[in-house]
Amino acid sequence: MSIPGVLALSIYVDWFNACGKSTWLASIGPIMLICLNLPPSEGLKPENVFVAGIIPGLKKPTALQLTYLLIPLIKELKELWQGYHFSPTSTVLQDPLSVLPFSRPLWM
């Protein structure tokens, strides 16, 4: 993508066995955002992949459960789509970028 000011992201969710290959006692599913503006050779490097959340559990969620898990992330991305204005100076931040819900501590 080469549209100035537009950031294209891909959401990737996958599950793997948290306890090794021998038994399937627990699964973990990271929710990752990959920037499509970067060339494929750069976009898939670990330093360019954003882990938006981790879904723990005994088994994979159903499609409906996954939908409910992704709703907070989608809401935040829709808010980001509206754009944020930052001051050109380093001393004043007019509109701070919000934290994604998956990265907020549980006690907040």
PDB file of N, CA and C in Angstrom:
ATOM      1  N   MET A   1       0.837  -1.172   0.000  1.00  0.00           N
ATOM      2  CA  MET A   1       0.000   0.000   0.000  1.00  0.00           C
ATOM      3  C   MET A   1       0.882   1.235   0.000  1.00  0.00           C
ATOM      4  N   SER A   2       0.501   2.202  -0.767  1.00  0.00           N
ATOM      5  CA  SER A   2       1.306   3.414  -0.823  1.00  0.00           C
ATOM      6  C   SER A   2       0.462   4.675  -0.681  1.00  0.00           C
ATOM      7  N   ILE A   3      -0.671   4.601  -0.012  1.00  0.00           N
ATOM      8  CA  ILE A   3      -1.491   5.779   0.206  1.00  0.00           C
ATOM      9  C   ILE A   3      -0.922   6.517   1.416  1.00  0.00           C
ATOM     10  N   PRO A   4      -0.493   7.771   1.239  1.00  0.00           N
ATOM     11  CA  PRO A   4       0.108   8.503   2.359  1.00  0.00           C
ATOM     12  C   PRO A   4      -0.871   8.659   3.525  1.00  0.00           C
ATOM     13  N   GLY A   5      -0.392   8.411   4.725  1.00  0.00           N
ATOM     14  CA  GLY A   5      -1.194   8.584   5.921  1.00  0.00           C
ATOM     15  C   GLY A   5      -2.153   7.454   6.235  1.00  0.00           C
ATOM     16  N   VAL A   6      -2.205   6.423   5.400  1.00  0.00           N
ATOM     17  CA  VAL A   6      -3.117   5.302   5.640  1.00  0.00           C
ATOM     18  C   VAL A   6      -2.307   4.086   6.085  1.00  0.00           C
ATOM     19  N   LEU A   7      -2.706   3.519   7.192  1.00  0.00           N
ATOM     20  CA  LEU A   7      -2.039   2.341   7.730  1.00  0.00           C
ATOM     21  C   LEU A   7      -2.955   1.142   7.538  1.00  0.00           C
ATOM     22  N   ALA A   8      -2.496   0.144   6.813  1.00  0.00           N
ATOM     23  CA  ALA A   8      -3.283  -1.070   6.571  1.00  0.00           C
ATOM     24  C   ALA A   8      -2.771  -2.171   7.495  1.00  0.00           C
ATOM     25  N   LEU A   9      -3.697  -2.774   8.243  1.00  0.00           N
ATOM     26  CA  LEU A   9      -3.337  -3.821   9.192  1.00  0.00           C
ATOM     27  C   LEU A   9      -4.085  -5.104   8.877  1.00  0.00           C
ATOM     28  N   SER A  10      -3.434  -6.213   9.137  1.00  0.00           N
ATOM     29  CA  SER A  10      -4.054  -7.524   9.014  1.00  0.00           C
ATOM     30  C   SER A  10      -4.130  -8.127  10.413  1.00  0.00           C
ATOM     31  N   ILE A  11      -5.284  -8.694  10.761  1.00  0.00           N
ATOM     32  CA  ILE A  11      -5.439  -9.364  12.053  1.00  0.00           C
ATOM     33  C   ILE A  11      -5.203 -10.852  11.838  1.00  0.00           C
ATOM     34  N   TYR A  12      -4.330 -11.413  12.649  1.00  0.00           N
ATOM     35  CA  TYR A  12      -3.997 -12.830  12.549  1.00  0.00           C
ATOM     36  C   TYR A  12      -4.191 -13.462  13.926  1.00  0.00           C
ATOM     37  N   VAL A  13      -4.982 -14.520  13.998  1.00  0.00           N
ATOM     38  CA  VAL A  13      -5.221 -15.244  15.250  1.00  0.00           C
ATOM     39  C   VAL A  13      -4.946 -16.720  14.989  1.00  0.00           C
ATOM     40  N   ASP A  14      -4.156 -17.334  15.841  1.00  0.00           N
ATOM     41  CA  ASP A  14      -3.847 -18.749  15.688  1.00  0.00           C
ATOM     42  C   ASP A  14      -3.690 -19.353  17.080  1.00  0.00           C
ATOM     43  N   TRP A  15      -3.855 -20.661  17.174  1.00  0.00           N
ATOM     44  CA  TRP A  15      -3.741 -21.339  18.459  1.00  0.00           C
ATOM     45  C   TRP A  15      -2.623 -22.357  18.408  1.00  0.00           C
ATOM     46  N   PHE A  16      -1.982 -22.534  19.554  1.00  0.00           N
ATOM     47  CA  PHE A  16      -0.971 -23.579  19.675  1.00  0.00           C
ATOM     48  C   PHE A  16      -1.083 -24.197  21.061  1.00  0.00           C
ATOM     49  N   ASN A  17      -0.545 -25.391  21.193  1.00  0.00           N
ATOM     50  CA  ASN A  17      -0.581 -26.141  22.443  1.00  0.00           C
ATOM     51  C   ASN A  17       0.436 -25.537  23.404  1.00  0.00           C
ATOM     52  N   ALA A  18      -0.017 -25.123  24.568  1.00  0.00           N
ATOM     53  CA  ALA A  18       0.863 -24.486  25.545  1.00  0.00           C
ATOM     54  C   ALA A  18       1.715 -25.488  26.316  1.00  0.00           C
ATOM     55  N   CYS A  19       1.365 -26.767  26.260  1.00  0.00           N
ATOM     56  CA  CYS A  19       2.056 -27.776  27.067  1.00  0.00           C
ATOM     57  C   CYS A  19       2.948 -28.699  26.251  1.00  0.00           C
ATOM     58  N   GLY A  20       3.239 -28.374  25.039  1.00  0.00           N
ATOM     59  CA  GLY A  20       4.061 -29.238  24.207  1.00  0.00           C
ATOM     60  C   GLY A  20       3.223 -30.093  23.281  1.00  0.00           C
ATOM     61  N   LYS A  21       3.892 -30.972  22.549  1.00  0.00           N
ATOM     62  CA  LYS A  21       3.212 -31.768  21.529  1.00  0.00           C
ATOM     63  C   LYS A  21       2.495 -32.996  22.079  1.00  0.00           C
ATOM     64  N   SER A  22       2.910 -33.494  23.230  1.00  0.00           N
ATOM     65  CA  SER A  22       2.400 -34.786  23.692  1.00  0.00           C
ATOM     66  C   SER A  22       0.935 -34.747  24.142  1.00  0.00           C
ATOM     67  N   THR A  23       0.520 -33.697  24.809  1.00  0.00           N
ATOM     68  CA  THR A  23      -0.861 -33.615  25.283  1.00  0.00           C
ATOM     69  C   THR A  23      -1.465 -32.275  24.908  1.00  0.00           C
ATOM     70  N   TRP A  24      -2.781 -32.255  24.823  1.00  0.00           N
ATOM     71  CA  TRP A  24      -3.483 -31.018  24.485  1.00  0.00           C
ATOM     72  C   TRP A  24      -4.275 -30.588  25.718  1.00  0.00           C
ATOM     73  N   LEU A  25      -3.560 -30.059  26.725  1.00  0.00           N
ATOM     74  CA  LEU A  25      -4.203 -29.666  27.974  1.00  0.00           C
ATOM     75  C   LEU A  25      -4.644 -28.207  27.977  1.00  0.00           C
ATOM     76  N   ALA A  26      -3.953 -27.388  27.246  1.00  0.00           N
ATOM     77  CA  ALA A  26      -4.288 -25.961  27.212  1.00  0.00           C
ATOM     78  C   ALA A  26      -3.831 -25.375  25.885  1.00  0.00           C
ATOM     79  N   SER A  27      -4.599 -24.425  25.396  1.00  0.00           N
ATOM     80  CA  SER A  27      -4.215 -23.754  24.158  1.00  0.00           C
ATOM     81  C   SER A  27      -4.053 -22.266  24.418  1.00  0.00           C
ATOM     82  N   ILE A  28      -3.223 -21.648  23.627  1.00  0.00           N
ATOM     83  CA  ILE A  28      -2.992 -20.208  23.702  1.00  0.00           C
ATOM     84  C   ILE A  28      -3.153 -19.651  22.300  1.00  0.00           C
ATOM     85  N   GLY A  29      -3.880 -18.549  22.200  1.00  0.00           N
ATOM     86  CA  GLY A  29      -4.101 -17.927  20.898  1.00  0.00           C
ATOM     87  C   GLY A  29      -3.705 -16.470  20.900  1.00  0.00           C
ATOM     88  N   PRO A  30      -2.567 -16.129  20.303  1.00  0.00           N
ATOM     89  CA  PRO A  30      -2.201 -14.718  20.214  1.00  0.00           C
ATOM     90  C   PRO A  30      -3.014 -14.009  19.126  1.00  0.00           C
ATOM     91  N   ILE A  31      -3.394 -12.766  19.402  1.00  0.00           N
ATOM     92  CA  ILE A  31      -4.042 -11.907  18.410  1.00  0.00           C
ATOM     93  C   ILE A  31      -2.961 -10.942  17.940  1.00  0.00           C
ATOM     94  N   MET A  32      -2.590 -11.050  16.675  1.00  0.00           N
ATOM     95  CA  MET A  32      -1.486 -10.252  16.154  1.00  0.00           C
ATOM     96  C   MET A  32      -1.966  -9.323  15.047  1.00  0.00           C
ATOM     97  N   LEU A  33      -1.378  -8.139  15.008  1.00  0.00           N
ATOM     98  CA  LEU A  33      -1.631  -7.182  13.937  1.00  0.00           C
ATOM     99  C   LEU A  33      -0.359  -7.073  13.113  1.00  0.00           C
ATOM    100  N   ILE A  34      -0.509  -7.200  11.805  1.00  0.00           N
ATOM    101  CA  ILE A  34       0.626  -7.127  10.891  1.00  0.00           C
ATOM    102  C   ILE A  34       0.409  -5.939   9.972  1.00  0.00           C
ATOM    103  N   CYS A  35       1.416  -5.093   9.869  1.00  0.00           N
ATOM    104  CA  CYS A  35       1.326  -3.897   9.033  1.00  0.00           C
ATOM    105  C   CYS A  35       1.536  -4.282   7.570  1.00  0.00           C
ATOM    106  N   LEU A  36       0.512  -4.050   6.758  1.00  0.00           N
ATOM    107  CA  LEU A  36       0.583  -4.390   5.336  1.00  0.00           C
ATOM    108  C   LEU A  36       1.275  -3.313   4.514  1.00  0.00           C
ATOM    109  N   ASN A  37       1.615  -2.177   5.146  1.00  0.00           N
ATOM    110  CA  ASN A  37       2.331  -1.122   4.439  1.00  0.00           C
ATOM    111  C   ASN A  37       3.799  -1.488   4.231  1.00  0.00           C
ATOM    112  N   LEU A  38       4.298  -2.393   5.044  1.00  0.00           N
ATOM    113  CA  LEU A  38       5.689  -2.819   4.925  1.00  0.00           C
ATOM    114  C   LEU A  38       5.808  -3.922   3.881  1.00  0.00           C
ATOM    115  N   PRO A  39       6.980  -4.055   3.264  1.00  0.00           N
ATOM    116  CA  PRO A  39       7.180  -5.193   2.359  1.00  0.00           C
ATOM    117  C   PRO A  39       7.032  -6.501   3.140  1.00  0.00           C
ATOM    118  N   PRO A  40       6.554  -7.576   2.497  1.00  0.00           N
ATOM    119  CA  PRO A  40       6.358  -8.847   3.213  1.00  0.00           C
ATOM    120  C   PRO A  40       7.598  -9.331   3.963  1.00  0.00           C
ATOM    121  N   SER A  41       8.769  -9.091   3.413  1.00  0.00           N
ATOM    122  CA  SER A  41       9.990  -9.540   4.086  1.00  0.00           C
ATOM    123  C   SER A  41      10.227  -8.785   5.391  1.00  0.00           C
ATOM    124  N   GLU A  42       9.706  -7.567   5.512  1.00  0.00           N
ATOM    125  CA  GLU A  42       9.862  -6.769   6.728  1.00  0.00           C
ATOM    126  C   GLU A  42       8.660  -6.898   7.659  1.00  0.00           C
ATOM    127  N   GLY A  43       7.460  -6.971   7.099  1.00  0.00           N
ATOM    128  CA  GLY A  43       6.235  -6.962   7.895  1.00  0.00           C
ATOM    129  C   GLY A  43       6.073  -8.160   8.801  1.00  0.00           C
ATOM    130  N   LEU A  44       6.669  -9.292   8.450  1.00  0.00           N
ATOM    131  CA  LEU A  44       6.517 -10.509   9.249  1.00  0.00           C
ATOM    132  C   LEU A  44       7.651 -10.728  10.245  1.00  0.00           C
ATOM    133  N   LYS A  45       8.584  -9.788  10.312  1.00  0.00           N
ATOM    134  CA  LYS A  45       9.651  -9.899  11.309  1.00  0.00           C
ATOM    135  C   LYS A  45       9.056  -9.655  12.696  1.00  0.00           C
ATOM    136  N   PRO A  46       9.552 -10.353  13.720  1.00  0.00           N
ATOM    137  CA  PRO A  46       8.988 -10.210  15.070  1.00  0.00           C
ATOM    138  C   PRO A  46       8.925  -8.763  15.567  1.00  0.00           C
ATOM    139  N   GLU A  47       9.895  -7.951  15.225  1.00  0.00           N
ATOM    140  CA  GLU A  47       9.897  -6.564  15.704  1.00  0.00           C
ATOM    141  C   GLU A  47       8.823  -5.707  15.033  1.00  0.00           C
ATOM    142  N   ASN A  48       8.224  -6.197  13.947  1.00  0.00           N
ATOM    143  CA  ASN A  48       7.181  -5.455  13.241  1.00  0.00           C
ATOM    144  C   ASN A  48       5.781  -6.042  13.430  1.00  0.00           C
ATOM    145  N   VAL A  49       5.654  -7.079  14.240  1.00  0.00           N
ATOM    146  CA  VAL A  49       4.352  -7.696  14.515  1.00  0.00           C
ATOM    147  C   VAL A  49       3.894  -7.219  15.892  1.00  0.00           C
ATOM    148  N   PHE A  50       2.674  -6.686  15.963  1.00  0.00           N
ATOM    149  CA  PHE A  50       2.121  -6.181  17.223  1.00  0.00           C
ATOM    150  C   PHE A  50       1.196  -7.232  17.820  1.00  0.00           C
ATOM    151  N   VAL A  51       1.520  -7.684  19.016  1.00  0.00           N
ATOM    152  CA  VAL A  51       0.658  -8.642  19.713  1.00  0.00           C
ATOM    153  C   VAL A  51      -0.392  -7.827  20.467  1.00  0.00           C
ATOM    154  N   ALA A  52      -1.623  -7.844  19.966  1.00  0.00           N
ATOM    155  CA  ALA A  52      -2.707  -7.048  20.545  1.00  0.00           C
ATOM    156  C   ALA A  52      -3.350  -7.748  21.730  1.00  0.00           C
ATOM    157  N   GLY A  53      -3.174  -9.047  21.843  1.00  0.00           N
ATOM    158  CA  GLY A  53      -3.764  -9.773  22.958  1.00  0.00           C
ATOM    159  C   GLY A  53      -3.407 -11.240  22.903  1.00  0.00           C
ATOM    160  N   ILE A  54      -3.635 -11.913  24.013  1.00  0.00           N
ATOM    161  CA  ILE A  54      -3.394 -13.357  24.107  1.00  0.00           C
ATOM    162  C   ILE A  54      -4.639 -13.982  24.719  1.00  0.00           C
ATOM    163  N   ILE A  55      -5.168 -15.003  24.060  1.00  0.00           N
ATOM    164  CA  ILE A  55      -6.375 -15.681  24.526  1.00  0.00           C
ATOM    165  C   ILE A  55      -5.966 -17.028  25.117  1.00  0.00           C
ATOM    166  N   PRO A  56      -6.006 -17.167  26.446  1.00  0.00           N
ATOM    167  CA  PRO A  56      -5.699 -18.460  27.057  1.00  0.00           C
ATOM    168  C   PRO A  56      -6.968 -19.305  27.176  1.00  0.00           C
ATOM    169  N   GLY A  57      -6.791 -20.587  27.327  1.00  0.00           N
ATOM    170  CA  GLY A  57      -7.955 -21.446  27.526  1.00  0.00           C
ATOM    171  C   GLY A  57      -7.611 -22.908  27.389  1.00  0.00           C
ATOM    172  N   LEU A  58      -8.582 -23.744  27.714  1.00  0.00           N
ATOM    173  CA  LEU A  58      -8.386 -25.182  27.582  1.00  0.00           C
ATOM    174  C   LEU A  58      -8.553 -25.639  26.142  1.00  0.00           C
ATOM    175  N   LYS A  59      -9.313 -24.884  25.356  1.00  0.00           N
ATOM    176  CA  LYS A  59      -9.507 -25.226  23.949  1.00  0.00           C
ATOM    177  C   LYS A  59      -9.745 -23.942  23.165  1.00  0.00           C
ATOM    178  N   LYS A  60      -9.728 -24.073  21.854  1.00  0.00           N
ATOM    179  CA  LYS A  60      -9.977 -22.921  20.993  1.00  0.00           C
ATOM    180  C   LYS A  60     -11.401 -22.413  21.201  1.00  0.00           C
ATOM    181  N   PRO A  61     -11.583 -21.085  21.166  1.00  0.00           N
ATOM    182  CA  PRO A  61     -12.960 -20.583  21.252  1.00  0.00           C
ATOM    183  C   PRO A  61     -13.710 -20.849  19.952  1.00  0.00           C
ATOM    184  N   THR A  62     -15.023 -20.897  20.050  1.00  0.00           N
ATOM    185  CA  THR A  62     -15.840 -21.041  18.844  1.00  0.00           C
ATOM    186  C   THR A  62     -15.780 -19.734  18.060  1.00  0.00           C
ATOM    187  N   ALA A  63     -16.308 -19.745  16.854  1.00  0.00           N
ATOM    188  CA  ALA A  63     -16.315 -18.533  16.032  1.00  0.00           C
ATOM    189  C   ALA A  63     -17.085 -17.409  16.726  1.00  0.00           C
ATOM    190  N   LEU A  64     -18.191 -17.741  17.371  1.00  0.00           N
ATOM    191  CA  LEU A  64     -18.977 -16.726  18.075  1.00  0.00           C
ATOM    192  C   LEU A  64     -18.206 -16.167  19.269  1.00  0.00           C
ATOM    193  N   GLN A  65     -17.546 -17.037  20.029  1.00  0.00           N
ATOM    194  CA  GLN A  65     -16.747 -16.583  21.165  1.00  0.00           C
ATOM    195  C   GLN A  65     -15.595 -15.699  20.696  1.00  0.00           C
ATOM    196  N   LEU A  66     -14.965 -16.074  19.592  1.00  0.00           N
ATOM    197  CA  LEU A  66     -13.869 -15.276  19.048  1.00  0.00           C
ATOM    198  C   LEU A  66     -14.361 -13.895  18.624  1.00  0.00           C
ATOM    199  N   THR A  67     -15.555 -13.844  18.073  1.00  0.00           N
ATOM    200  CA  THR A  67     -16.138 -12.555  17.689  1.00  0.00           C
ATOM    201  C   THR A  67     -16.235 -11.638  18.897  1.00  0.00           C
ATOM    202  N   TYR A  68     -16.736 -12.161  20.013  1.00  0.00           N
ATOM    203  CA  TYR A  68     -16.860 -11.350  21.223  1.00  0.00           C
ATOM    204  C   TYR A  68     -15.495 -10.951  21.779  1.00  0.00           C
ATOM    205  N   LEU A  69     -14.494 -11.800  21.618  1.00  0.00           N
ATOM    206  CA  LEU A  69     -13.153 -11.462  22.085  1.00  0.00           C
ATOM    207  C   LEU A  69     -12.517 -10.361  21.242  1.00  0.00           C
ATOM    208  N   LEU A  70     -12.868 -10.296  19.965  1.00  0.00           N
ATOM    209  CA  LEU A  70     -12.267  -9.305  19.070  1.00  0.00           C
ATOM    210  C   LEU A  70     -12.993  -7.960  19.076  1.00  0.00           C
ATOM    211  N   ILE A  71     -14.200  -7.893  19.619  1.00  0.00           N
ATOM    212  CA  ILE A  71     -14.974  -6.644  19.597  1.00  0.00           C
ATOM    213  C   ILE A  71     -14.214  -5.465  20.220  1.00  0.00           C
ATOM    214  N   PRO A  72     -13.580  -5.586  21.402  1.00  0.00           N
ATOM    215  CA  PRO A  72     -12.856  -4.426  21.951  1.00  0.00           C
ATOM    216  C   PRO A  72     -11.721  -3.947  21.043  1.00  0.00           C
ATOM    217  N   LEU A  73     -11.009  -4.887  20.437  1.00  0.00           N
ATOM    218  CA  LEU A  73      -9.931  -4.507  19.525  1.00  0.00           C
ATOM    219  C   LEU A  73     -10.482  -3.785  18.304  1.00  0.00           C
ATOM    220  N   ILE A  74     -11.548  -4.291  17.738  1.00  0.00           N
ATOM    221  CA  ILE A  74     -12.156  -3.661  16.564  1.00  0.00           C
ATOM    222  C   ILE A  74     -12.645  -2.256  16.907  1.00  0.00           C
ATOM    223  N   LYS A  75     -13.234  -2.085  18.092  1.00  0.00           N
ATOM    224  CA  LYS A  75     -13.684  -0.753  18.509  1.00  0.00           C
ATOM    225  C   LYS A  75     -12.511   0.217  18.601  1.00  0.00           C
ATOM    226  N   GLU A  76     -11.397  -0.230  19.156  1.00  0.00           N
ATOM    227  CA  GLU A  76     -10.212   0.628  19.254  1.00  0.00           C
ATOM    228  C   GLU A  76      -9.657   0.964  17.872  1.00  0.00           C
ATOM    229  N   LEU A  77      -9.639  -0.017  16.976  1.00  0.00           N
ATOM    230  CA  LEU A  77      -9.133   0.242  15.626  1.00  0.00           C
ATOM    231  C   LEU A  77     -10.045   1.206  14.876  1.00  0.00           C
ATOM    232  N   LYS A  78     -11.350   1.100  15.092  1.00  0.00           N
ATOM    233  CA  LYS A  78     -12.281   2.048  14.468  1.00  0.00           C
ATOM    234  C   LYS A  78     -12.051   3.458  15.004  1.00  0.00           C
ATOM    235  N   GLU A  79     -11.738   3.558  16.300  1.00  0.00           N
ATOM    236  CA  GLU A  79     -11.431   4.863  16.887  1.00  0.00           C
ATOM    237  C   GLU A  79     -10.136   5.421  16.296  1.00  0.00           C
ATOM    238  N   LEU A  80      -9.153   4.556  16.108  1.00  0.00           N
ATOM    239  CA  LEU A  80      -7.898   4.995  15.493  1.00  0.00           C
ATOM    240  C   LEU A  80      -8.115   5.448  14.055  1.00  0.00           C
ATOM    241  N   TRP A  81      -9.094   4.851  13.368  1.00  0.00           N
ATOM    242  CA  TRP A  81      -9.391   5.218  11.984  1.00  0.00           C
ATOM    243  C   TRP A  81      -9.795   6.690  11.886  1.00  0.00           C
ATOM    244  N   GLN A  82     -10.447   7.209  12.944  1.00  0.00           N
ATOM    245  CA  GLN A  82     -10.847   8.616  12.958  1.00  0.00           C
ATOM    246  C   GLN A  82      -9.629   9.534  13.002  1.00  0.00           C
ATOM    247  N   GLY A  83      -8.520   9.024  13.488  1.00  0.00           N
ATOM    248  CA  GLY A  83      -7.277   9.787  13.521  1.00  0.00           C
ATOM    249  C   GLY A  83      -7.051  10.486  14.848  1.00  0.00           C
ATOM    250  N   TYR A  84      -5.816  10.785  15.109  1.00  0.00           N
ATOM    251  CA  TYR A  84      -5.398  11.500  16.301  1.00  0.00           C
ATOM    252  C   TYR A  84      -4.522  12.660  15.872  1.00  0.00           C
ATOM    253  N   HIS A  85      -4.658  13.769  16.566  1.00  0.00           N
ATOM    254  CA  HIS A  85      -3.819  14.928  16.281  1.00  0.00           C
ATOM    255  C   HIS A  85      -2.797  15.071  17.397  1.00  0.00           C
ATOM    256  N   PHE A  86      -1.544  15.136  17.025  1.00  0.00           N
ATOM    257  CA  PHE A  86      -0.474  15.331  17.984  1.00  0.00           C
ATOM    258  C   PHE A  86       0.156  16.691  17.752  1.00  0.00           C
ATOM    259  N   SER A  87       0.542  17.341  18.827  1.00  0.00           N
ATOM    260  CA  SER A  87       1.196  18.640  18.745  1.00  0.00           C
ATOM    261  C   SER A  87       2.568  18.476  18.099  1.00  0.00           C
ATOM    262  N   PRO A  88       3.013  19.467  17.310  1.00  0.00           N
ATOM    263  CA  PRO A  88       4.327  19.353  16.678  1.00  0.00           C
ATOM    264  C   PRO A  88       5.483  19.496  17.661  1.00  0.00           C
ATOM    265  N   THR A  89       5.224  19.892  18.900  1.00  0.00           N
ATOM    266  CA  THR A  89       6.300  20.008  19.879  1.00  0.00           C
ATOM    267  C   THR A  89       6.313  18.777  20.769  1.00  0.00           C
ATOM    268  N   SER A  90       7.430  18.554  21.387  1.00  0.00           N
ATOM    269  CA  SER A  90       7.550  17.375  22.244  1.00  0.00           C
ATOM    270  C   SER A  90       7.041  17.631  23.657  1.00  0.00           C
ATOM    271  N   THR A  91       6.681  18.875  23.973  1.00  0.00           N
ATOM    272  CA  THR A  91       6.258  19.179  25.339  1.00  0.00           C
ATOM    273  C   THR A  91       4.751  19.103  25.537  1.00  0.00           C
ATOM    274  N   VAL A  92       3.968  19.201  24.461  1.00  0.00           N
ATOM    275  CA  VAL A  92       2.511  19.212  24.588  1.00  0.00           C
ATOM    276  C   VAL A  92       1.931  18.081  23.756  1.00  0.00           C
ATOM    277  N   LEU A  93       1.160  17.230  24.387  1.00  0.00           N
ATOM    278  CA  LEU A  93       0.473  16.148  23.693  1.00  0.00           C
ATOM    279  C   LEU A  93      -1.017  16.436  23.783  1.00  0.00           C
ATOM    280  N   GLN A  94      -1.630  16.821  22.661  1.00  0.00           N
ATOM    281  CA  GLN A  94      -3.027  17.240  22.681  1.00  0.00           C
ATOM    282  C   GLN A  94      -3.981  16.065  22.832  1.00  0.00           C
ATOM    283  N   ASP A  95      -3.792  15.017  22.095  1.00  0.00           N
ATOM    284  CA  ASP A  95      -4.677  13.856  22.132  1.00  0.00           C
ATOM    285  C   ASP A  95      -3.831  12.599  22.307  1.00  0.00           C
ATOM    286  N   PRO A  96      -3.696  12.111  23.524  1.00  0.00           N
ATOM    287  CA  PRO A  96      -2.865  10.920  23.712  1.00  0.00           C
ATOM    288  C   PRO A  96      -3.492   9.695  23.060  1.00  0.00           C
ATOM    289  N   LEU A  97      -2.670   8.884  22.497  1.00  0.00           N
ATOM    290  CA  LEU A  97      -3.108   7.637  21.873  1.00  0.00           C
ATOM    291  C   LEU A  97      -3.562   6.681  22.965  1.00  0.00           C
ATOM    292  N   SER A  98      -4.727   6.111  22.812  1.00  0.00           N
ATOM    293  CA  SER A  98      -5.261   5.240  23.857  1.00  0.00           C
ATOM    294  C   SER A  98      -4.584   3.876  23.833  1.00  0.00           C
ATOM    295  N   VAL A  99      -4.677   3.198  24.945  1.00  0.00           N
ATOM    296  CA  VAL A  99      -4.109   1.866  25.087  1.00  0.00           C
ATOM    297  C   VAL A  99      -5.156   0.861  24.624  1.00  0.00           C
ATOM    298  N   LEU A 100      -4.731  -0.157  23.898  1.00  0.00           N
ATOM    299  CA  LEU A 100      -5.663  -1.190  23.463  1.00  0.00           C
ATOM    300  C   LEU A 100      -6.196  -1.950  24.672  1.00  0.00           C
ATOM    301  N   PRO A 101      -7.451  -2.362  24.637  1.00  0.00           N
ATOM    302  CA  PRO A 101      -8.050  -3.017  25.800  1.00  0.00           C
ATOM    303  C   PRO A 101      -7.315  -4.268  26.247  1.00  0.00           C
ATOM    304  N   PHE A 102      -6.702  -4.984  25.322  1.00  0.00           N
ATOM    305  CA  PHE A 102      -6.031  -6.230  25.675  1.00  0.00           C
ATOM    306  C   PHE A 102      -4.780  -5.983  26.506  1.00  0.00           C
ATOM    307  N   SER A 103      -4.218  -4.765  26.420  1.00  0.00           N
ATOM    308  CA  SER A 103      -2.982  -4.497  27.137  1.00  0.00           C
ATOM    309  C   SER A 103      -3.222  -3.758  28.448  1.00  0.00           C
ATOM    310  N   ARG A 104      -4.489  -3.507  28.807  1.00  0.00           N
ATOM    311  CA  ARG A 104      -4.789  -2.825  30.063  1.00  0.00           C
ATOM    312  C   ARG A 104      -4.700  -3.817  31.221  1.00  0.00           C
ATOM    313  N   PRO A 105      -4.155  -3.367  32.358  1.00  0.00           N
ATOM    314  CA  PRO A 105      -4.142  -4.244  33.529  1.00  0.00           C
ATOM    315  C   PRO A 105      -5.571  -4.561  33.971  1.00  0.00           C
ATOM    316  N   LEU A 106      -5.757  -5.695  34.592  1.00  0.00           N
ATOM    317  CA  LEU A 106      -7.081  -6.133  35.012  1.00  0.00           C
ATOM    318  C   LEU A 106      -7.683  -5.248  36.093  1.00  0.00           C
ATOM    319  N   TRP A 107      -6.839  -4.581  36.882  1.00  0.00           N
ATOM    320  CA  TRP A 107      -7.353  -3.791  37.987  1.00  0.00           C
ATOM    321  C   TRP A 107      -7.805  -2.399  37.573  1.00  0.00           C
ATOM    322  N   MET A 108      -7.711  -2.012  36.315  1.00  0.00           N
ATOM    323  CA  MET A 108      -8.152  -0.681  35.866  1.00  0.00           C
ATOM    324  C   MET A 108      -9.607  -0.697  35.495  1.00  0.00           C
TER     325      MET A 108
END
